[in-house]
Amino acid sequence: MTTATQTAQGSAPVGACAWPTLDAVEEGTRRARRAFVDVRHKAEDAAADARLTVRRHPLAAVAAGVATGALLGGVCGFFVAWFAPTRE
């Protein structure tokens, strides 16, 4: 779906030399759009799998959340203590 419009900016017509560039840009746009759609589908599949896993194993999911929170809290506390100015 390549479309060309005539403008009054230039006196010389664009000619055939611009069409390969337009086609390449259009093909790149199509590839980027397909890649984005593929990533979106994979993310939706991962979210659905995670939902199913949490429904099948709710206790393990809560335990994993608590462990992750404790680990992140410990790491944040360590960095705050490490980089905070000491009072002497």
PDB file of N, CA and C in Angstrom:
ATOM      1  N   MET A   1       0.836  -1.167   0.000  1.00  0.00           N
ATOM      2  CA  MET A   1       0.000   0.000   0.000  1.00  0.00           C
ATOM      3  C   MET A   1       0.885   1.236   0.000  1.00  0.00           C
ATOM      4  N   THR A   2       1.573   1.446  -1.082  1.00  0.00           N
ATOM      5  CA  THR A   2       2.421   2.610  -1.210  1.00  0.00           C
ATOM      6  C   THR A   2       1.628   3.709  -1.888  1.00  0.00           C
ATOM      7  N   THR A   3       1.654   4.881  -1.283  1.00  0.00           N
ATOM      8  CA  THR A   3       0.908   6.011  -1.810  1.00  0.00           C
ATOM      9  C   THR A   3       1.862   7.188  -1.980  1.00  0.00           C
ATOM     10  N   ALA A   4       1.764   7.854  -3.090  1.00  0.00           N
ATOM     11  CA  ALA A   4       2.594   9.026  -3.342  1.00  0.00           C
ATOM     12  C   ALA A   4       1.680  10.230  -3.557  1.00  0.00           C
ATOM     13  N   THR A   5       2.081  11.354  -3.007  1.00  0.00           N
ATOM     14  CA  THR A   5       1.328  12.590  -3.218  1.00  0.00           C
ATOM     15  C   THR A   5       2.250  13.627  -3.812  1.00  0.00           C
ATOM     16  N   GLN A   6       1.706  14.456  -4.653  1.00  0.00           N
ATOM     17  CA  GLN A   6       2.493  15.490  -5.294  1.00  0.00           C
ATOM     18  C   GLN A   6       2.477  16.737  -4.422  1.00  0.00           C
ATOM     19  N   THR A   7       3.648  17.311  -4.181  1.00  0.00           N
ATOM     20  CA  THR A   7       3.756  18.514  -3.375  1.00  0.00           C
ATOM     21  C   THR A   7       4.338  19.632  -4.222  1.00  0.00           C
ATOM     22  N   ALA A   8       4.171  20.838  -3.758  1.00  0.00           N
ATOM     23  CA  ALA A   8       4.674  22.000  -4.488  1.00  0.00           C
ATOM     24  C   ALA A   8       6.024  22.458  -3.936  1.00  0.00           C
ATOM     25  N   GLN A   9       6.647  21.686  -3.070  1.00  0.00           N
ATOM     26  CA  GLN A   9       7.913  22.119  -2.470  1.00  0.00           C
ATOM     27  C   GLN A   9       9.073  22.043  -3.449  1.00  0.00           C
ATOM     28  N   GLY A  10       9.176  20.955  -4.165  1.00  0.00           N
ATOM     29  CA  GLY A  10      10.309  20.796  -5.063  1.00  0.00           C
ATOM     30  C   GLY A  10       9.893  20.974  -6.507  1.00  0.00           C
ATOM     31  N   SER A  11      10.829  21.433  -7.335  1.00  0.00           N
ATOM     32  CA  SER A  11      10.495  21.615  -8.743  1.00  0.00           C
ATOM     33  C   SER A  11      10.690  20.313  -9.509  1.00  0.00           C
ATOM     34  N   ALA A  12      11.609  19.474  -9.074  1.00  0.00           N
ATOM     35  CA  ALA A  12      11.857  18.208  -9.765  1.00  0.00           C
ATOM     36  C   ALA A  12      11.008  17.109  -9.133  1.00  0.00           C
ATOM     37  N   PRO A  13      10.431  16.243  -9.946  1.00  0.00           N
ATOM     38  CA  PRO A  13       9.649  15.145  -9.380  1.00  0.00           C
ATOM     39  C   PRO A  13      10.557  14.146  -8.668  1.00  0.00           C
ATOM     40  N   VAL A  14       9.979  13.429  -7.744  1.00  0.00           N
ATOM     41  CA  VAL A  14      10.757  12.473  -6.950  1.00  0.00           C
ATOM     42  C   VAL A  14      11.279  11.363  -7.831  1.00  0.00           C
ATOM     43  N   GLY A  15      10.484  10.860  -8.712  1.00  0.00           N
ATOM     44  CA  GLY A  15      10.931   9.854  -9.660  1.00  0.00           C
ATOM     45  C   GLY A  15      10.975   8.469  -9.067  1.00  0.00           C
ATOM     46  N   ALA A  16      11.594   7.567  -9.813  1.00  0.00           N
ATOM     47  CA  ALA A  16      11.606   6.162  -9.430  1.00  0.00           C
ATOM     48  C   ALA A  16      12.644   5.851  -8.349  1.00  0.00           C
ATOM     49  N   CYS A  17      13.558   6.773  -8.103  1.00  0.00           N
ATOM     50  CA  CYS A  17      14.619   6.471  -7.141  1.00  0.00           C
ATOM     51  C   CYS A  17      14.109   6.465  -5.702  1.00  0.00           C
ATOM     52  N   ALA A  18      12.973   7.079  -5.425  1.00  0.00           N
ATOM     53  CA  ALA A  18      12.451   7.118  -4.062  1.00  0.00           C
ATOM     54  C   ALA A  18      11.628   5.887  -3.727  1.00  0.00           C
ATOM     55  N   TRP A  19      11.111   5.175  -4.712  1.00  0.00           N
ATOM     56  CA  TRP A  19      10.244   4.033  -4.431  1.00  0.00           C
ATOM     57  C   TRP A  19      10.946   2.917  -3.672  1.00  0.00           C
ATOM     58  N   PRO A  20      12.188   2.551  -4.000  1.00  0.00           N
ATOM     59  CA  PRO A  20      12.833   1.508  -3.194  1.00  0.00           C
ATOM     60  C   PRO A  20      12.985   1.915  -1.728  1.00  0.00           C
ATOM     61  N   THR A  21      13.239   3.177  -1.479  1.00  0.00           N
ATOM     62  CA  THR A  21      13.356   3.647  -0.104  1.00  0.00           C
ATOM     63  C   THR A  21      12.015   3.556   0.607  1.00  0.00           C
ATOM     64  N   LEU A  22      10.952   3.986  -0.057  1.00  0.00           N
ATOM     65  CA  LEU A  22       9.624   3.901   0.538  1.00  0.00           C
ATOM     66  C   LEU A  22       9.226   2.453   0.800  1.00  0.00           C
ATOM     67  N   ASP A  23       9.557   1.571  -0.130  1.00  0.00           N
ATOM     68  CA  ASP A  23       9.258   0.155   0.065  1.00  0.00           C
ATOM     69  C   ASP A  23      10.037  -0.421   1.238  1.00  0.00           C
ATOM     70  N   ALA A  24      11.296  -0.017   1.368  1.00  0.00           N
ATOM     71  CA  ALA A  24      12.109  -0.510   2.483  1.00  0.00           C
ATOM     72  C   ALA A  24      11.570  -0.015   3.822  1.00  0.00           C
ATOM     73  N   VAL A  25      11.154   1.242   3.873  1.00  0.00           N
ATOM     74  CA  VAL A  25      10.585   1.786   5.112  1.00  0.00           C
ATOM     75  C   VAL A  25       9.281   1.072   5.441  1.00  0.00           C
ATOM     76  N   GLU A  26       8.476   0.845   4.435  1.00  0.00           N
ATOM     77  CA  GLU A  26       7.206   0.157   4.648  1.00  0.00           C
ATOM     78  C   GLU A  26       7.426  -1.279   5.132  1.00  0.00           C
ATOM     79  N   GLU A  27       8.388  -1.962   4.552  1.00  0.00           N
ATOM     80  CA  GLU A  27       8.709  -3.328   4.982  1.00  0.00           C
ATOM     81  C   GLU A  27       9.244  -3.341   6.410  1.00  0.00           C
ATOM     82  N   GLY A  28      10.080  -2.377   6.746  1.00  0.00           N
ATOM     83  CA  GLY A  28      10.574  -2.280   8.124  1.00  0.00           C
ATOM     84  C   GLY A  28       9.458  -2.017   9.119  1.00  0.00           C
ATOM     85  N   THR A  29       8.510  -1.183   8.735  1.00  0.00           N
ATOM     86  CA  THR A  29       7.359  -0.917   9.593  1.00  0.00           C
ATOM     87  C   THR A  29       6.528  -2.176   9.788  1.00  0.00           C
ATOM     88  N   ARG A  30       6.320  -2.927   8.704  1.00  0.00           N
ATOM     89  CA  ARG A  30       5.565  -4.179   8.808  1.00  0.00           C
ATOM     90  C   ARG A  30       6.256  -5.173   9.726  1.00  0.00           C
ATOM     91  N   ARG A  31       7.573  -5.303   9.588  1.00  0.00           N
ATOM     92  CA  ARG A  31       8.325  -6.231  10.441  1.00  0.00           C
ATOM     93  C   ARG A  31       8.270  -5.812  11.905  1.00  0.00           C
ATOM     94  N   ALA A  32       8.395  -4.520  12.165  1.00  0.00           N
ATOM     95  CA  ALA A  32       8.331  -4.034  13.548  1.00  0.00           C
ATOM     96  C   ALA A  32       6.948  -4.283  14.142  1.00  0.00           C
ATOM     97  N   ARG A  33       5.919  -4.066  13.351  1.00  0.00           N
ATOM     98  CA  ARG A  33       4.558  -4.305  13.832  1.00  0.00           C
ATOM     99  C   ARG A  33       4.335  -5.786  14.128  1.00  0.00           C
ATOM    100  N   ARG A  34       4.831  -6.658  13.261  1.00  0.00           N
ATOM    101  CA  ARG A  34       4.705  -8.103  13.500  1.00  0.00           C
ATOM    102  C   ARG A  34       5.474  -8.520  14.751  1.00  0.00           C
ATOM    103  N   ALA A  35       6.667  -7.972  14.926  1.00  0.00           N
ATOM    104  CA  ALA A  35       7.457  -8.312  16.110  1.00  0.00           C
ATOM    105  C   ALA A  35       6.747  -7.853  17.373  1.00  0.00           C
ATOM    106  N   PHE A  36       6.159  -6.669  17.339  1.00  0.00           N
ATOM    107  CA  PHE A  36       5.433  -6.161  18.496  1.00  0.00           C
ATOM    108  C   PHE A  36       4.234  -7.045  18.817  1.00  0.00           C
ATOM    109  N   VAL A  37       3.520  -7.475  17.790  1.00  0.00           N
ATOM    110  CA  VAL A  37       2.355  -8.343  18.002  1.00  0.00           C
ATOM    111  C   VAL A  37       2.808  -9.684  18.569  1.00  0.00           C
ATOM    112  N   ASP A  38       3.908 -10.223  18.066  1.00  0.00           N
ATOM    113  CA  ASP A  38       4.421 -11.496  18.593  1.00  0.00           C
ATOM    114  C   ASP A  38       4.798 -11.375  20.062  1.00  0.00           C
ATOM    115  N   VAL A  39       5.458 -10.293  20.423  1.00  0.00           N
ATOM    116  CA  VAL A  39       5.846 -10.087  21.821  1.00  0.00           C
ATOM    117  C   VAL A  39       4.612  -9.935  22.700  1.00  0.00           C
ATOM    118  N   ARG A  40       3.609  -9.214  22.204  1.00  0.00           N
ATOM    119  CA  ARG A  40       2.381  -9.048  22.968  1.00  0.00           C
ATOM    120  C   ARG A  40       1.686 -10.385  23.204  1.00  0.00           C
ATOM    121  N   HIS A  41       1.654 -11.234  22.183  1.00  0.00           N
ATOM    122  CA  HIS A  41       1.035 -12.552  22.337  1.00  0.00           C
ATOM    123  C   HIS A  41       1.813 -13.412  23.340  1.00  0.00           C
ATOM    124  N   LYS A  42       3.122 -13.352  23.281  1.00  0.00           N
ATOM    125  CA  LYS A  42       3.935 -14.129  24.224  1.00  0.00           C
ATOM    126  C   LYS A  42       3.737 -13.628  25.654  1.00  0.00           C
ATOM    127  N   ALA A  43       3.619 -12.322  25.826  1.00  0.00           N
ATOM    128  CA  ALA A  43       3.390 -11.770  27.162  1.00  0.00           C
ATOM    129  C   ALA A  43       2.013 -12.176  27.686  1.00  0.00           C
ATOM    130  N   GLU A  44       1.014 -12.169  26.818  1.00  0.00           N
ATOM    131  CA  GLU A  44      -0.319 -12.606  27.233  1.00  0.00           C
ATOM    132  C   GLU A  44      -0.315 -14.083  27.615  1.00  0.00           C
ATOM    133  N   ASP A  45       0.420 -14.908  26.853  1.00  0.00           N
ATOM    134  CA  ASP A  45       0.523 -16.327  27.187  1.00  0.00           C
ATOM    135  C   ASP A  45       1.230 -16.533  28.523  1.00  0.00           C
ATOM    136  N   ALA A  46       2.300 -15.759  28.774  1.00  0.00           N
ATOM    137  CA  ALA A  46       3.017 -15.875  30.044  1.00  0.00           C
ATOM    138  C   ALA A  46       2.132 -15.457  31.212  1.00  0.00           C
ATOM    139  N   ALA A  47       1.337 -14.402  31.035  1.00  0.00           N
ATOM    140  CA  ALA A  47       0.429 -13.958  32.094  1.00  0.00           C
ATOM    141  C   ALA A  47      -0.644 -15.009  32.357  1.00  0.00           C
ATOM    142  N   ALA A  48      -1.161 -15.620  31.301  1.00  0.00           N
ATOM    143  CA  ALA A  48      -2.171 -16.667  31.480  1.00  0.00           C
ATOM    144  C   ALA A  48      -1.578 -17.879  32.188  1.00  0.00           C
ATOM    145  N   ASP A  49      -0.343 -18.244  31.835  1.00  0.00           N
ATOM    146  CA  ASP A  49       0.321 -19.359  32.518  1.00  0.00           C
ATOM    147  C   ASP A  49       0.558 -19.042  33.987  1.00  0.00           C
ATOM    148  N   ALA A  50       0.952 -17.814  34.276  1.00  0.00           N
ATOM    149  CA  ALA A  50       1.180 -17.425  35.673  1.00  0.00           C
ATOM    150  C   ALA A  50      -0.124 -17.470  36.458  1.00  0.00           C
ATOM    151  N   ARG A  51      -1.207 -16.987  35.856  1.00  0.00           N
ATOM    152  CA  ARG A  51      -2.515 -17.044  36.521  1.00  0.00           C
ATOM    153  C   ARG A  51      -2.918 -18.485  36.819  1.00  0.00           C
ATOM    154  N   LEU A  52      -2.706 -19.362  35.868  1.00  0.00           N
ATOM    155  CA  LEU A  52      -3.059 -20.764  36.049  1.00  0.00           C
ATOM    156  C   LEU A  52      -2.201 -21.407  37.137  1.00  0.00           C
ATOM    157  N   THR A  53      -0.924 -21.078  37.160  1.00  0.00           N
ATOM    158  CA  THR A  53      -0.031 -21.632  38.177  1.00  0.00           C
ATOM    159  C   THR A  53      -0.430 -21.158  39.561  1.00  0.00           C
ATOM    160  N   VAL A  54      -0.783 -19.878  39.695  1.00  0.00           N
ATOM    161  CA  VAL A  54      -1.198 -19.352  40.999  1.00  0.00           C
ATOM    162  C   VAL A  54      -2.500 -20.013  41.452  1.00  0.00           C
ATOM    163  N   ARG A  55      -3.408 -20.264  40.524  1.00  0.00           N
ATOM    164  CA  ARG A  55      -4.663 -20.926  40.897  1.00  0.00           C
ATOM    165  C   ARG A  55      -4.438 -22.374  41.296  1.00  0.00           C
ATOM    166  N   ARG A  56      -3.483 -23.027  40.675  1.00  0.00           N
ATOM    167  CA  ARG A  56      -3.204 -24.424  41.019  1.00  0.00           C
ATOM    168  C   ARG A  56      -2.421 -24.552  42.320  1.00  0.00           C
ATOM    169  N   HIS A  57      -1.525 -23.607  42.584  1.00  0.00           N
ATOM    170  CA  HIS A  57      -0.647 -23.676  43.756  1.00  0.00           C
ATOM    171  C   HIS A  57      -0.654 -22.338  44.491  1.00  0.00           C
ATOM    172  N   PRO A  58      -1.739 -21.998  45.183  1.00  0.00           N
ATOM    173  CA  PRO A  58      -1.820 -20.681  45.823  1.00  0.00           C
ATOM    174  C   PRO A  58      -0.835 -20.509  46.979  1.00  0.00           C
ATOM    175  N   LEU A  59      -0.609 -21.550  47.761  1.00  0.00           N
ATOM    176  CA  LEU A  59       0.302 -21.434  48.898  1.00  0.00           C
ATOM    177  C   LEU A  59       1.738 -21.212  48.430  1.00  0.00           C
ATOM    178  N   ALA A  60       2.131 -21.915  47.407  1.00  0.00           N
ATOM    179  CA  ALA A  60       3.476 -21.733  46.858  1.00  0.00           C
ATOM    180  C   ALA A  60       3.638 -20.329  46.273  1.00  0.00           C
ATOM    181  N   ALA A  61       2.575 -19.795  45.666  1.00  0.00           N
ATOM    182  CA  ALA A  61       2.646 -18.449  45.098  1.00  0.00           C
ATOM    183  C   ALA A  61       2.808 -17.410  46.203  1.00  0.00           C
ATOM    184  N   VAL A  62       2.065 -17.573  47.294  1.00  0.00           N
ATOM    185  CA  VAL A  62       2.192 -16.634  48.420  1.00  0.00           C
ATOM    186  C   VAL A  62       3.579 -16.754  49.041  1.00  0.00           C
ATOM    187  N   ALA A  63       4.071 -17.968  49.187  1.00  0.00           N
ATOM    188  CA  ALA A  63       5.418 -18.166  49.752  1.00  0.00           C
ATOM    189  C   ALA A  63       6.481 -17.529  48.863  1.00  0.00           C
ATOM    190  N   ALA A  64       6.328 -17.669  47.557  1.00  0.00           N
ATOM    191  CA  ALA A  64       7.296 -17.054  46.633  1.00  0.00           C
ATOM    192  C   ALA A  64       7.242 -15.533  46.735  1.00  0.00           C
ATOM    193  N   GLY A  65       6.043 -14.973  46.883  1.00  0.00           N
ATOM    194  CA  GLY A  65       5.914 -13.523  47.041  1.00  0.00           C
ATOM    195  C   GLY A  65       6.543 -13.029  48.327  1.00  0.00           C
ATOM    196  N   VAL A  66       6.337 -13.759  49.414  1.00  0.00           N
ATOM    197  CA  VAL A  66       6.934 -13.373  50.702  1.00  0.00           C
ATOM    198  C   VAL A  66       8.454 -13.470  50.635  1.00  0.00           C
ATOM    199  N   ALA A  67       8.960 -14.543  50.033  1.00  0.00           N
ATOM    200  CA  ALA A  67      10.415 -14.702  49.913  1.00  0.00           C
ATOM    201  C   ALA A  67      11.017 -13.603  49.045  1.00  0.00           C
ATOM    202  N   THR A  68      10.357 -13.264  47.948  1.00  0.00           N
ATOM    203  CA  THR A  68      10.855 -12.197  47.077  1.00  0.00           C
ATOM    204  C   THR A  68      10.850 -10.859  47.795  1.00  0.00           C
ATOM    205  N   GLY A  69       9.781 -10.587  48.545  1.00  0.00           N
ATOM    206  CA  GLY A  69       9.716  -9.337  49.307  1.00  0.00           C
ATOM    207  C   GLY A  69      10.793  -9.255  50.368  1.00  0.00           C
ATOM    208  N   ALA A  70      11.031 -10.366  51.061  1.00  0.00           N
ATOM    209  CA  ALA A  70      12.075 -10.372  52.084  1.00  0.00           C
ATOM    210  C   ALA A  70      13.450 -10.167  51.460  1.00  0.00           C
ATOM    211  N   LEU A  71      13.700 -10.809  50.349  1.00  0.00           N
ATOM    212  CA  LEU A  71      14.989 -10.661  49.669  1.00  0.00           C
ATOM    213  C   LEU A  71      15.194  -9.223  49.191  1.00  0.00           C
ATOM    214  N   LEU A  72      14.194  -8.655  48.536  1.00  0.00           N
ATOM    215  CA  LEU A  72      14.318  -7.277  48.059  1.00  0.00           C
ATOM    216  C   LEU A  72      14.440  -6.295  49.226  1.00  0.00           C
ATOM    217  N   GLY A  73      13.699  -6.535  50.307  1.00  0.00           N
ATOM    218  CA  GLY A  73      13.820  -5.682  51.486  1.00  0.00           C
ATOM    219  C   GLY A  73      15.211  -5.740  52.092  1.00  0.00           C
ATOM    220  N   GLY A  74      15.772  -6.948  52.159  1.00  0.00           N
ATOM    221  CA  GLY A  74      17.135  -7.093  52.679  1.00  0.00           C
ATOM    222  C   GLY A  74      18.165  -6.401  51.808  1.00  0.00           C
ATOM    223  N   VAL A  75      18.022  -6.541  50.507  1.00  0.00           N
ATOM    224  CA  VAL A  75      18.968  -5.904  49.585  1.00  0.00           C
ATOM    225  C   VAL A  75      18.858  -4.384  49.682  1.00  0.00           C
ATOM    226  N   CYS A  76      17.634  -3.858  49.720  1.00  0.00           N
ATOM    227  CA  CYS A  76      17.451  -2.403  49.844  1.00  0.00           C
ATOM    228  C   CYS A  76      18.005  -1.905  51.177  1.00  0.00           C
ATOM    229  N   GLY A  77      17.749  -2.632  52.241  1.00  0.00           N
ATOM    230  CA  GLY A  77      18.287  -2.246  53.550  1.00  0.00           C
ATOM    231  C   GLY A  77      19.796  -2.255  53.570  1.00  0.00           C
ATOM    232  N   PHE A  78      20.404  -3.253  52.919  1.00  0.00           N
ATOM    233  CA  PHE A  78      21.852  -3.315  52.852  1.00  0.00           C
ATOM    234  C   PHE A  78      22.417  -2.100  52.124  1.00  0.00           C
ATOM    235  N   PHE A  79      21.830  -1.763  50.984  1.00  0.00           N
ATOM    236  CA  PHE A  79      22.344  -0.633  50.225  1.00  0.00           C
ATOM    237  C   PHE A  79      22.123   0.695  50.945  1.00  0.00           C
ATOM    238  N   VAL A  80      21.016   0.834  51.634  1.00  0.00           N
ATOM    239  CA  VAL A  80      20.792   2.062  52.401  1.00  0.00           C
ATOM    240  C   VAL A  80      21.828   2.171  53.504  1.00  0.00           C
ATOM    241  N   ALA A  81      22.082   1.063  54.199  1.00  0.00           N
ATOM    242  CA  ALA A  81      23.075   1.083  55.276  1.00  0.00           C
ATOM    243  C   ALA A  81      24.485   1.279  54.713  1.00  0.00           C
ATOM    244  N   TRP A  82      24.750   0.726  53.573  1.00  0.00           N
ATOM    245  CA  TRP A  82      26.100   0.817  53.001  1.00  0.00           C
ATOM    246  C   TRP A  82      26.413   2.230  52.506  1.00  0.00           C
ATOM    247  N   PHE A  83      25.452   2.866  51.867  1.00  0.00           N
ATOM    248  CA  PHE A  83      25.702   4.163  51.262  1.00  0.00           C
ATOM    249  C   PHE A  83      25.253   5.348  52.109  1.00  0.00           C
ATOM    250  N   ALA A  84      24.597   5.104  53.215  1.00  0.00           N
ATOM    251  CA  ALA A  84      24.171   6.200  54.082  1.00  0.00           C
ATOM    252  C   ALA A  84      25.385   6.767  54.799  1.00  0.00           C
ATOM    253  N   PRO A  85      25.398   8.072  54.998  1.00  0.00           N
ATOM    254  CA  PRO A  85      26.524   8.653  55.738  1.00  0.00           C
ATOM    255  C   PRO A  85      26.488   8.181  57.195  1.00  0.00           C
ATOM    256  N   THR A  86      27.648   7.861  57.692  1.00  0.00           N
ATOM    257  CA  THR A  86      27.723   7.380  59.082  1.00  0.00           C
ATOM    258  C   THR A  86      27.770   8.568  60.023  1.00  0.00           C
ATOM    259  N   ARG A  87      27.143   8.420  61.151  1.00  0.00           N
ATOM    260  CA  ARG A  87      27.145   9.482  62.168  1.00  0.00           C
ATOM    261  C   ARG A  87      28.180   9.116  63.211  1.00  0.00           C
ATOM    262  N   GLU A  88      29.125   9.967  63.367  1.00  0.00           N
ATOM    263  CA  GLU A  88      30.173   9.718  64.353  1.00  0.00           C
ATOM    264  C   GLU A  88      30.272  10.826  65.348  1.00  0.00           C
TER     265      GLU A  88
END
